[in-house]
Every structure is written in C-alpha cells, then in structure tokens.
C-alpha cells in the first residue's frame, strides 16, 4: 500500500498515545473520552487505508479492462477490413459493433462511476475526520 506523507505523519502522531492507552487498559485502568476518541481515530485511519487500498485495486482493474478493450478494438478494425467487399454483411456487422461499443462504454462508465463514488466517499470521510479532529 502506498502511504502519503500525511498518512504517515498522522499515524505516527497517534501511535504513542495508542500504545499508552493499550498499556493502561491491559493494567485494568478505565478509558476516558479522549482515550476512546483516540482509539476511534486509529480505527478510522485503518478503515481509510483499507478503502484507499481497495480504490487502488479497482483503479488497476479498470486500467486492465481498458487495455483489453483496446486490444479488442484493434481486432475489430482488422475484421472491418475483411468485410469491405461484402457491403450487405458489413452493414449487419456494423450494427453489432455499435451495440458492442455501447456495451463497452457502459462497462467502462460503470467502473468509472464506482471509482468516483469510492473516491468521493473517502474524501468525505477525510473531511468528517478533519472536522472531528478540529473539535478536539
């Protein structure tokens, strides 16, 4: 997973406090609100990192699909050359190619929409997290 400098800095900032809380808790001491909030913050960082990792996986998957579609497009260009002399059959195939192109565009658009939704969700969580941090 690729961490940004901000991720590293934020995790480093709360790690000593988390260790302190874990030690106190293991000794049977209770937790105060600040301790609970710190643990929740760590949990949120872990969740954000997981979402970031999934976003990277989805992005790689979309790129793989795009590469496959480029290969398919090249194959269809070759087929188009073979059918130039056969106009009637070519027109029939052209209609099928248009449908396939539409399906490919729909698939890509769906994948991109999913990526954008995940990206907006992660960004929203960062905003909420920063607001929570500002309150404390």
N, C-alpha and C. Protein backbone atom coordinates (compact mmCIF):
# COMPACT_ATOMS: atom_id res chain seq x y z
N UNK A 1 0.86 -1.18 0.00
CA UNK A 1 0.00 0.00 0.00
C UNK A 1 0.90 1.23 0.00
N UNK A 2 0.58 2.18 -0.82
CA UNK A 2 1.32 3.44 -0.89
C UNK A 2 0.73 4.43 0.09
N UNK A 3 1.52 4.82 1.08
CA UNK A 3 1.05 5.80 2.05
C UNK A 3 1.57 7.17 1.65
N UNK A 4 0.74 8.15 1.91
CA UNK A 4 1.20 9.51 1.67
C UNK A 4 1.92 10.00 2.91
N UNK A 5 2.62 11.12 2.77
CA UNK A 5 3.31 11.69 3.92
C UNK A 5 2.34 12.05 5.02
N UNK A 6 1.16 12.52 4.64
CA UNK A 6 0.16 12.91 5.63
C UNK A 6 -0.29 11.68 6.41
N UNK A 7 -0.54 10.55 5.71
CA UNK A 7 -0.91 9.32 6.40
C UNK A 7 0.14 8.95 7.43
N UNK A 8 1.40 8.94 7.00
CA UNK A 8 2.49 8.56 7.90
C UNK A 8 2.55 9.49 9.11
N UNK A 9 2.44 10.78 8.86
CA UNK A 9 2.53 11.76 9.95
C UNK A 9 1.39 11.57 10.94
N UNK A 10 0.17 11.42 10.44
CA UNK A 10 -0.98 11.28 11.34
C UNK A 10 -0.90 9.99 12.15
N UNK A 11 -0.52 8.91 11.51
CA UNK A 11 -0.41 7.64 12.24
C UNK A 11 0.71 7.71 13.26
N UNK A 12 1.83 8.32 12.90
CA UNK A 12 2.93 8.47 13.85
C UNK A 12 2.51 9.35 15.03
N UNK A 13 1.68 10.34 14.79
CA UNK A 13 1.25 11.24 15.85
C UNK A 13 0.42 10.52 16.91
N UNK A 14 -0.45 9.61 16.49
CA UNK A 14 -1.32 8.96 17.47
C UNK A 14 -0.78 7.64 17.99
N UNK A 15 0.24 7.07 17.35
CA UNK A 15 0.77 5.76 17.77
C UNK A 15 1.24 5.74 19.22
N UNK A 16 2.02 6.72 19.69
CA UNK A 16 2.45 6.68 21.11
C UNK A 16 1.25 6.73 22.06
N UNK A 17 0.28 7.54 21.74
CA UNK A 17 -0.90 7.66 22.61
C UNK A 17 -1.68 6.34 22.61
N UNK A 18 -1.78 5.69 21.46
CA UNK A 18 -2.49 4.40 21.39
C UNK A 18 -1.76 3.36 22.23
N UNK A 19 -0.43 3.32 22.16
CA UNK A 19 0.33 2.36 22.96
C UNK A 19 0.11 2.62 24.45
N UNK A 20 0.11 3.89 24.82
CA UNK A 20 -0.12 4.26 26.22
C UNK A 20 -1.50 3.81 26.67
N UNK A 21 -2.50 4.03 25.84
CA UNK A 21 -3.88 3.62 26.18
C UNK A 21 -3.95 2.10 26.31
N UNK A 22 -3.33 1.38 25.38
CA UNK A 22 -3.34 -0.09 25.43
C UNK A 22 -2.68 -0.60 26.70
N UNK A 23 -1.56 0.02 27.10
CA UNK A 23 -0.87 -0.39 28.33
C UNK A 23 -1.75 -0.14 29.55
N UNK A 24 -2.36 1.04 29.61
CA UNK A 24 -3.23 1.35 30.75
C UNK A 24 -4.42 0.40 30.79
N UNK A 25 -4.99 0.10 29.64
CA UNK A 25 -6.15 -0.78 29.57
C UNK A 25 -5.78 -2.20 29.99
N UNK A 26 -4.58 -2.66 29.58
CA UNK A 26 -4.13 -4.01 29.95
C UNK A 26 -3.89 -4.13 31.46
N UNK A 27 -3.61 -2.99 32.10
CA UNK A 27 -3.44 -2.98 33.56
C UNK A 27 -4.79 -2.88 34.28
N UNK A 28 -5.86 -2.82 33.52
CA UNK A 28 -7.19 -2.78 34.13
C UNK A 28 -7.71 -1.39 34.39
N UNK A 29 -6.99 -0.37 33.94
CA UNK A 29 -7.46 1.00 34.14
C UNK A 29 -8.57 1.32 33.13
N UNK A 30 -9.44 2.22 33.52
CA UNK A 30 -10.54 2.62 32.65
C UNK A 30 -10.09 3.59 31.56
N UNK A 31 -10.95 3.78 30.60
CA UNK A 31 -10.67 4.70 29.49
C UNK A 31 -11.52 5.95 29.63
N UNK A 32 -10.92 7.10 29.35
CA UNK A 32 -11.69 8.34 29.35
C UNK A 32 -12.12 8.66 27.91
N UNK A 33 -12.86 9.74 27.76
CA UNK A 33 -13.37 10.10 26.43
C UNK A 33 -12.24 10.35 25.43
N UNK A 34 -11.18 10.97 25.88
CA UNK A 34 -10.05 11.24 24.97
C UNK A 34 -9.43 9.94 24.48
N UNK A 35 -9.31 8.96 25.40
CA UNK A 35 -8.76 7.66 25.03
C UNK A 35 -9.64 6.99 23.98
N UNK A 36 -10.93 7.00 24.22
CA UNK A 36 -11.87 6.38 23.29
C UNK A 36 -11.80 7.07 21.94
N UNK A 37 -11.75 8.39 21.94
CA UNK A 37 -11.66 9.13 20.67
C UNK A 37 -10.37 8.81 19.93
N UNK A 38 -9.29 8.67 20.66
CA UNK A 38 -8.01 8.32 20.02
C UNK A 38 -8.08 6.94 19.38
N UNK A 39 -8.69 5.99 20.09
CA UNK A 39 -8.84 4.64 19.53
C UNK A 39 -9.77 4.65 18.32
N UNK A 40 -10.82 5.45 18.39
CA UNK A 40 -11.72 5.58 17.23
C UNK A 40 -10.99 6.19 16.05
N UNK A 41 -10.14 7.15 16.32
CA UNK A 41 -9.36 7.79 15.26
C UNK A 41 -8.44 6.78 14.59
N UNK A 42 -7.78 5.96 15.41
CA UNK A 42 -6.91 4.92 14.84
C UNK A 42 -7.73 3.98 13.98
N UNK A 43 -8.89 3.60 14.46
CA UNK A 43 -9.77 2.71 13.70
C UNK A 43 -10.16 3.34 12.36
N UNK A 44 -10.45 4.63 12.37
CA UNK A 44 -10.81 5.33 11.14
C UNK A 44 -9.63 5.38 10.16
N UNK A 45 -8.42 5.60 10.70
CA UNK A 45 -7.23 5.60 9.82
C UNK A 45 -7.08 4.23 9.16
N UNK A 46 -7.28 3.17 9.94
CA UNK A 46 -7.18 1.83 9.37
C UNK A 46 -8.24 1.62 8.29
N UNK A 47 -9.43 2.10 8.56
CA UNK A 47 -10.52 1.97 7.59
C UNK A 47 -10.22 2.75 6.32
N UNK A 48 -9.72 3.96 6.49
CA UNK A 48 -9.38 4.80 5.32
C UNK A 48 -8.27 4.14 4.52
N UNK A 49 -7.27 3.60 5.20
CA UNK A 49 -6.19 2.91 4.49
C UNK A 49 -6.72 1.71 3.72
N UNK A 50 -7.67 0.98 4.32
CA UNK A 50 -8.27 -0.17 3.63
C UNK A 50 -9.03 0.31 2.39
N UNK A 51 -9.80 1.37 2.54
CA UNK A 51 -10.55 1.90 1.40
C UNK A 51 -9.61 2.40 0.30
N UNK A 52 -8.53 3.02 0.72
CA UNK A 52 -7.54 3.50 -0.25
C UNK A 52 -6.94 2.33 -1.02
N UNK A 53 -6.67 1.24 -0.30
CA UNK A 53 -6.12 0.05 -0.94
C UNK A 53 -7.13 -0.53 -1.94
N UNK A 54 -8.39 -0.60 -1.55
CA UNK A 54 -9.43 -1.11 -2.45
C UNK A 54 -9.58 -0.20 -3.67
N UNK A 55 -9.47 1.11 -3.46
CA UNK A 55 -9.57 2.05 -4.58
C UNK A 55 -8.42 1.80 -5.56
N UNK A 56 -7.23 1.54 -5.04
CA UNK A 56 -6.09 1.22 -5.91
C UNK A 56 -6.37 -0.05 -6.71
N UNK A 57 -6.97 -1.05 -6.06
CA UNK A 57 -7.29 -2.30 -6.76
C UNK A 57 -8.33 -2.07 -7.85
N UNK A 58 -9.34 -1.28 -7.55
CA UNK A 58 -10.39 -1.00 -8.55
C UNK A 58 -9.81 -0.22 -9.72
N UNK A 59 -8.94 0.74 -9.42
CA UNK A 59 -8.31 1.52 -10.48
C UNK A 59 -7.48 0.62 -11.38
N UNK A 60 -6.72 -0.29 -10.78
CA UNK A 60 -5.91 -1.22 -11.57
C UNK A 60 -6.81 -2.11 -12.42
N UNK A 61 -7.93 -2.52 -11.86
CA UNK A 61 -8.87 -3.36 -12.61
C UNK A 61 -9.44 -2.62 -13.81
N UNK A 62 -9.81 -1.37 -13.62
CA UNK A 62 -10.34 -0.56 -14.72
C UNK A 62 -9.28 -0.37 -15.80
N UNK A 63 -8.04 -0.14 -15.39
CA UNK A 63 -6.96 0.02 -16.37
C UNK A 63 -6.77 -1.27 -17.16
N UNK A 64 -6.87 -2.41 -16.48
CA UNK A 64 -6.77 -3.70 -17.17
C UNK A 64 -7.89 -3.88 -18.18
N UNK A 65 -9.09 -3.49 -17.80
CA UNK A 65 -10.22 -3.58 -18.73
C UNK A 65 -10.01 -2.68 -19.94
N UNK A 66 -9.51 -1.48 -19.70
CA UNK A 66 -9.26 -0.56 -20.81
C UNK A 66 -8.24 -1.15 -21.79
N UNK A 67 -7.20 -1.80 -21.26
CA UNK A 67 -6.20 -2.41 -22.12
C UNK A 67 -6.82 -3.54 -22.95
N UNK A 68 -7.68 -4.34 -22.32
CA UNK A 68 -8.35 -5.41 -23.05
C UNK A 68 -9.25 -4.85 -24.14
N UNK A 69 -9.94 -3.77 -23.84
CA UNK A 69 -10.84 -3.17 -24.83
C UNK A 69 -10.06 -2.57 -25.99
N UNK A 70 -8.88 -2.03 -25.72
CA UNK A 70 -8.05 -1.51 -26.81
C UNK A 70 -7.64 -2.66 -27.72
N UNK A 71 -7.27 -3.80 -27.12
CA UNK A 71 -6.93 -4.98 -27.92
C UNK A 71 -8.10 -5.45 -28.76
N UNK A 72 -9.28 -5.46 -28.16
CA UNK A 72 -10.49 -5.86 -28.90
C UNK A 72 -10.77 -4.89 -30.04
N UNK A 73 -10.58 -3.61 -29.78
CA UNK A 73 -10.83 -2.61 -30.82
C UNK A 73 -9.90 -2.85 -32.02
N UNK A 74 -8.64 -3.19 -31.74
CA UNK A 74 -7.70 -3.49 -32.82
C UNK A 74 -8.15 -4.69 -33.63
N UNK A 75 -8.66 -5.71 -32.96
CA UNK A 75 -9.15 -6.90 -33.67
C UNK A 75 -10.36 -6.56 -34.53
N UNK A 76 -11.23 -5.70 -34.04
CA UNK A 76 -12.41 -5.33 -34.82
C UNK A 76 -12.04 -4.50 -36.05
N UNK A 77 -10.99 -3.70 -35.93
CA UNK A 77 -10.52 -2.93 -37.09
C UNK A 77 -10.05 -3.90 -38.18
N UNK A 78 -9.35 -4.97 -37.78
CA UNK A 78 -8.92 -5.98 -38.75
C UNK A 78 -10.09 -6.67 -39.42
N UNK A 79 -11.10 -6.99 -38.63
CA UNK A 79 -12.30 -7.61 -39.20
C UNK A 79 -13.01 -6.68 -40.17
N UNK A 80 -13.04 -5.42 -39.85
CA UNK A 80 -13.70 -4.44 -40.71
C UNK A 80 -13.06 -4.45 -42.10
N UNK A 81 -11.73 -4.55 -42.16
CA UNK A 81 -11.04 -4.60 -43.45
C UNK A 81 -11.42 -5.82 -44.27
N UNK A 82 -11.68 -6.94 -43.63
CA UNK A 82 -12.05 -8.16 -44.33
C UNK A 82 -13.45 -8.07 -44.95
N UNK A 83 -14.31 -7.27 -44.37
CA UNK A 83 -15.69 -7.22 -44.83
C UNK A 83 -16.01 -6.04 -45.75
N UNK A 84 -14.99 -5.29 -46.17
CA UNK A 84 -15.23 -4.12 -47.02
C UNK A 84 -15.96 -4.52 -48.30
N UNK A 85 -15.59 -5.63 -48.91
CA UNK A 85 -16.21 -6.05 -50.16
C UNK A 85 -17.60 -6.64 -49.98
N UNK A 86 -17.97 -6.90 -48.82
CA UNK A 86 -19.27 -7.54 -48.58
C UNK A 86 -20.20 -6.55 -47.88
N UNK A 87 -20.70 -5.58 -48.61
CA UNK A 87 -21.44 -4.47 -48.01
C UNK A 87 -22.65 -4.91 -47.20
N UNK A 88 -23.42 -5.82 -47.73
CA UNK A 88 -24.64 -6.24 -47.01
C UNK A 88 -24.31 -6.85 -45.67
N UNK A 89 -23.35 -7.74 -45.68
CA UNK A 89 -22.95 -8.38 -44.42
C UNK A 89 -22.24 -7.38 -43.50
N UNK A 90 -21.49 -6.48 -44.12
CA UNK A 90 -20.76 -5.48 -43.34
C UNK A 90 -21.73 -4.58 -42.57
N UNK A 91 -22.80 -4.16 -43.23
CA UNK A 91 -23.77 -3.30 -42.55
C UNK A 91 -24.40 -4.02 -41.36
N UNK A 92 -24.64 -5.29 -41.54
CA UNK A 92 -25.20 -6.08 -40.44
C UNK A 92 -24.19 -6.14 -39.27
N UNK A 93 -22.94 -6.39 -39.61
CA UNK A 93 -21.90 -6.43 -38.57
C UNK A 93 -21.68 -5.07 -37.93
N UNK A 94 -21.78 -4.02 -38.74
CA UNK A 94 -21.59 -2.67 -38.21
C UNK A 94 -22.59 -2.38 -37.09
N UNK A 95 -23.83 -2.81 -37.29
CA UNK A 95 -24.83 -2.64 -36.24
C UNK A 95 -24.45 -3.39 -34.97
N UNK A 96 -23.89 -4.58 -35.14
CA UNK A 96 -23.45 -5.36 -33.97
C UNK A 96 -22.26 -4.69 -33.28
N UNK A 97 -21.36 -4.12 -34.07
CA UNK A 97 -20.22 -3.41 -33.48
C UNK A 97 -20.69 -2.21 -32.66
N UNK A 98 -21.69 -1.51 -33.17
CA UNK A 98 -22.22 -0.35 -32.43
C UNK A 98 -22.78 -0.79 -31.08
N UNK A 99 -23.48 -1.93 -31.08
CA UNK A 99 -24.02 -2.43 -29.81
C UNK A 99 -22.88 -2.82 -28.86
N UNK A 100 -21.87 -3.48 -29.40
CA UNK A 100 -20.73 -3.88 -28.58
C UNK A 100 -20.00 -2.66 -28.03
N UNK A 101 -19.83 -1.65 -28.88
CA UNK A 101 -19.17 -0.41 -28.44
C UNK A 101 -19.97 0.22 -27.30
N UNK A 102 -21.28 0.21 -27.44
CA UNK A 102 -22.15 0.77 -26.40
C UNK A 102 -21.99 -0.01 -25.10
N UNK A 103 -21.92 -1.35 -25.21
CA UNK A 103 -21.73 -2.18 -24.02
C UNK A 103 -20.39 -1.90 -23.37
N UNK A 104 -19.35 -1.75 -24.18
CA UNK A 104 -18.01 -1.46 -23.66
C UNK A 104 -18.01 -0.11 -22.95
N UNK A 105 -18.62 0.89 -23.58
CA UNK A 105 -18.68 2.21 -22.97
C UNK A 105 -19.46 2.17 -21.67
N UNK A 106 -20.54 1.40 -21.66
CA UNK A 106 -21.34 1.27 -20.44
C UNK A 106 -20.52 0.61 -19.34
N UNK A 107 -19.76 -0.43 -19.69
CA UNK A 107 -18.93 -1.12 -18.70
C UNK A 107 -17.88 -0.18 -18.13
N UNK A 108 -17.21 0.54 -19.01
CA UNK A 108 -16.19 1.48 -18.56
C UNK A 108 -16.82 2.57 -17.70
N UNK A 109 -17.95 3.11 -18.15
CA UNK A 109 -18.61 4.18 -17.40
C UNK A 109 -19.04 3.69 -16.02
N UNK A 110 -19.55 2.46 -15.96
CA UNK A 110 -19.96 1.89 -14.67
C UNK A 110 -18.76 1.77 -13.73
N UNK A 111 -17.65 1.27 -14.27
CA UNK A 111 -16.44 1.13 -13.45
C UNK A 111 -15.94 2.50 -12.98
N UNK A 112 -15.96 3.47 -13.88
CA UNK A 112 -15.52 4.82 -13.51
C UNK A 112 -16.46 5.44 -12.47
N UNK A 113 -17.76 5.23 -12.63
CA UNK A 113 -18.72 5.75 -11.66
C UNK A 113 -18.47 5.13 -10.28
N UNK A 114 -18.17 3.83 -10.26
CA UNK A 114 -17.90 3.16 -9.00
C UNK A 114 -16.64 3.75 -8.36
N UNK A 115 -15.60 3.97 -9.19
CA UNK A 115 -14.36 4.59 -8.70
C UNK A 115 -14.64 5.96 -8.11
N UNK A 116 -15.41 6.76 -8.82
CA UNK A 116 -15.71 8.12 -8.36
C UNK A 116 -16.49 8.08 -7.05
N UNK A 117 -17.45 7.17 -6.95
CA UNK A 117 -18.22 7.06 -5.72
C UNK A 117 -17.32 6.70 -4.54
N UNK A 118 -16.40 5.76 -4.76
CA UNK A 118 -15.48 5.39 -3.69
C UNK A 118 -14.55 6.55 -3.34
N UNK A 119 -14.10 7.26 -4.37
CA UNK A 119 -13.21 8.40 -4.13
C UNK A 119 -13.94 9.48 -3.34
N UNK A 120 -15.18 9.78 -3.72
CA UNK A 120 -15.96 10.80 -3.01
C UNK A 120 -16.22 10.36 -1.58
N UNK A 121 -16.48 9.07 -1.38
CA UNK A 121 -16.71 8.55 -0.04
C UNK A 121 -15.47 8.72 0.82
N UNK A 122 -14.32 8.38 0.27
CA UNK A 122 -13.07 8.52 1.02
C UNK A 122 -12.81 9.99 1.33
N UNK A 123 -13.04 10.85 0.34
CA UNK A 123 -12.83 12.29 0.57
C UNK A 123 -13.79 12.80 1.65
N UNK A 124 -15.03 12.35 1.59
CA UNK A 124 -16.00 12.75 2.61
C UNK A 124 -15.57 12.31 3.99
N UNK A 125 -15.01 11.12 4.07
CA UNK A 125 -14.55 10.62 5.36
C UNK A 125 -13.37 11.45 5.86
N UNK A 126 -12.49 11.87 4.96
CA UNK A 126 -11.38 12.74 5.36
C UNK A 126 -11.91 14.06 5.89
N UNK A 127 -12.93 14.61 5.24
CA UNK A 127 -13.49 15.88 5.69
C UNK A 127 -14.11 15.71 7.07
N UNK A 128 -14.89 14.65 7.24
CA UNK A 128 -15.52 14.39 8.54
C UNK A 128 -14.45 14.18 9.61
N UNK A 129 -13.44 13.41 9.25
CA UNK A 129 -12.37 13.14 10.18
C UNK A 129 -11.65 14.42 10.57
N UNK A 130 -11.39 15.29 9.60
CA UNK A 130 -10.71 16.54 9.93
C UNK A 130 -11.59 17.43 10.82
N UNK A 131 -12.91 17.40 10.59
CA UNK A 131 -13.81 18.17 11.44
C UNK A 131 -13.79 17.62 12.86
N UNK A 132 -13.75 16.29 12.98
CA UNK A 132 -13.71 15.67 14.30
C UNK A 132 -12.41 16.05 15.00
N UNK A 133 -11.33 16.02 14.25
CA UNK A 133 -10.02 16.37 14.83
C UNK A 133 -10.03 17.84 15.26
N UNK A 134 -10.62 18.73 14.46
CA UNK A 134 -10.67 20.15 14.81
C UNK A 134 -11.46 20.39 16.10
N UNK A 135 -12.46 19.57 16.37
CA UNK A 135 -13.27 19.75 17.57
C UNK A 135 -12.49 19.38 18.83
N UNK A 136 -11.48 18.56 18.65
CA UNK A 136 -10.72 18.13 19.83
C UNK A 136 -9.44 18.90 19.82
